[in-house]
Amino acid sequence: MIYQSLITIGQQNLLCEEYCFLAGGVISQNTSGERYCVGVSTNNPHLDKAIALNILSQL
């Protein structure tokens, strides 16, 4: 499943600070500028990113 998701993006650096390769993942940063990823994986993948954004809004 992960391979099928990643094969469509082609050759990219998956460790880039600008990109979170998790489908339900979002990138954010704290007040000091340190970046981090928050990822969510549920039984309903269409909701994962919205849930991750909701979590970030609570931090």
C-alpha atoms as a PDB file:
ATOM      1  CA  MET A   1       0.000   0.000   0.000  1.00  0.00           C
ATOM      2  CA  ILE A   2       2.748   2.480   0.913  1.00  0.00           C
ATOM      3  CA  TYR A   3       4.732   1.526  -2.187  1.00  0.00           C
ATOM      4  CA  GLN A   4       1.702   2.128  -4.414  1.00  0.00           C
ATOM      5  CA  SER A   5       1.222   5.566  -2.845  1.00  0.00           C
ATOM      6  CA  LEU A   6       4.866   6.566  -3.188  1.00  0.00           C
ATOM      7  CA  ILE A   7       5.496   5.236  -6.711  1.00  0.00           C
ATOM      8  CA  THR A   8       3.200   7.900  -8.168  1.00  0.00           C
ATOM      9  CA  ILE A   9       5.332  10.798  -6.874  1.00  0.00           C
ATOM     10  CA  GLY A  10       8.370   9.681  -8.857  1.00  0.00           C
ATOM     11  CA  GLN A  11      11.915  10.305  -7.686  1.00  0.00           C
ATOM     12  CA  GLN A  12      11.860  12.794  -4.849  1.00  0.00           C
ATOM     13  CA  ASN A  13      13.780  13.310  -1.659  1.00  0.00           C
ATOM     14  CA  LEU A  14      11.443  11.976   1.033  1.00  0.00           C
ATOM     15  CA  LEU A  15      13.535  13.540   3.787  1.00  0.00           C
ATOM     16  CA  CYS A  16      13.012  17.088   2.564  1.00  0.00           C
ATOM     17  CA  GLU A  17      11.914  19.664   5.155  1.00  0.00           C
ATOM     18  CA  GLU A  18       9.195  20.884   2.778  1.00  0.00           C
ATOM     19  CA  TYR A  19       7.500  17.534   2.235  1.00  0.00           C
ATOM     20  CA  CYS A  20       5.785  15.035   4.484  1.00  0.00           C
ATOM     21  CA  PHE A  21       5.348  11.787   2.569  1.00  0.00           C
ATOM     22  CA  LEU A  22       2.567  10.513   4.832  1.00  0.00           C
ATOM     23  CA  ALA A  23      -0.815  10.851   3.169  1.00  0.00           C
ATOM     24  CA  GLY A  24      -2.406  12.081   6.408  1.00  0.00           C
ATOM     25  CA  GLY A  25       0.597  14.177   7.319  1.00  0.00           C
ATOM     26  CA  VAL A  26       1.086  17.899   7.579  1.00  0.00           C
ATOM     27  CA  ILE A  27       4.181  19.993   8.242  1.00  0.00           C
ATOM     28  CA  SER A  28       4.205  22.725  10.837  1.00  0.00           C
ATOM     29  CA  GLN A  29       6.740  24.631  12.883  1.00  0.00           C
ATOM     30  CA  ASN A  30       6.985  25.900  16.417  1.00  0.00           C
ATOM     31  CA  THR A  31       7.641  29.500  17.430  1.00  0.00           C
ATOM     32  CA  SER A  32      11.419  28.995  17.224  1.00  0.00           C
ATOM     33  CA  GLY A  33      11.111  27.865  13.582  1.00  0.00           C
ATOM     34  CA  GLU A  34      11.758  24.170  14.173  1.00  0.00           C
ATOM     35  CA  ARG A  35       9.736  22.117  11.660  1.00  0.00           C
ATOM     36  CA  TYR A  36       7.948  18.885  12.421  1.00  0.00           C
ATOM     37  CA  CYS A  37       5.434  16.505  10.847  1.00  0.00           C
ATOM     38  CA  VAL A  38       2.155  15.378  12.346  1.00  0.00           C
ATOM     39  CA  GLY A  39       0.641  12.306  10.742  1.00  0.00           C
ATOM     40  CA  VAL A  40      -2.670  10.543  11.262  1.00  0.00           C
ATOM     41  CA  SER A  41      -3.740   7.190   9.891  1.00  0.00           C
ATOM     42  CA  THR A  42      -7.324   6.023  10.415  1.00  0.00           C
ATOM     43  CA  ASN A  43      -9.703   3.580   8.788  1.00  0.00           C
ATOM     44  CA  ASN A  44     -10.996   6.506   6.690  1.00  0.00           C
ATOM     45  CA  PRO A  45      -7.961   7.979   4.857  1.00  0.00           C
ATOM     46  CA  HIS A  46     -10.035  10.838   3.441  1.00  0.00           C
ATOM     47  CA  LEU A  47     -10.266  12.298   6.957  1.00  0.00           C
ATOM     48  CA  ASP A  48      -6.621  11.875   7.978  1.00  0.00           C
ATOM     49  CA  LYS A  49      -5.278  15.240   6.843  1.00  0.00           C
ATOM     50  CA  ALA A  50      -8.233  17.140   8.332  1.00  0.00           C
ATOM     51  CA  ILE A  51      -7.677  15.365  11.650  1.00  0.00           C
ATOM     52  CA  ALA A  52      -3.940  16.186  11.573  1.00  0.00           C
ATOM     53  CA  LEU A  53      -4.771  19.866  10.925  1.00  0.00           C
ATOM     54  CA  ASN A  54      -7.250  19.801  13.795  1.00  0.00           C
ATOM     55  CA  ILE A  55      -4.545  18.394  16.094  1.00  0.00           C
ATOM     56  CA  LEU A  56      -2.152  21.158  15.037  1.00  0.00           C
ATOM     57  CA  SER A  57      -4.772  23.805  15.806  1.00  0.00           C
ATOM     58  CA  GLN A  58      -4.972  22.436  19.367  1.00  0.00           C
ATOM     59  CA  LEU A  59      -1.222  22.707  20.006  1.00  0.00           C
END
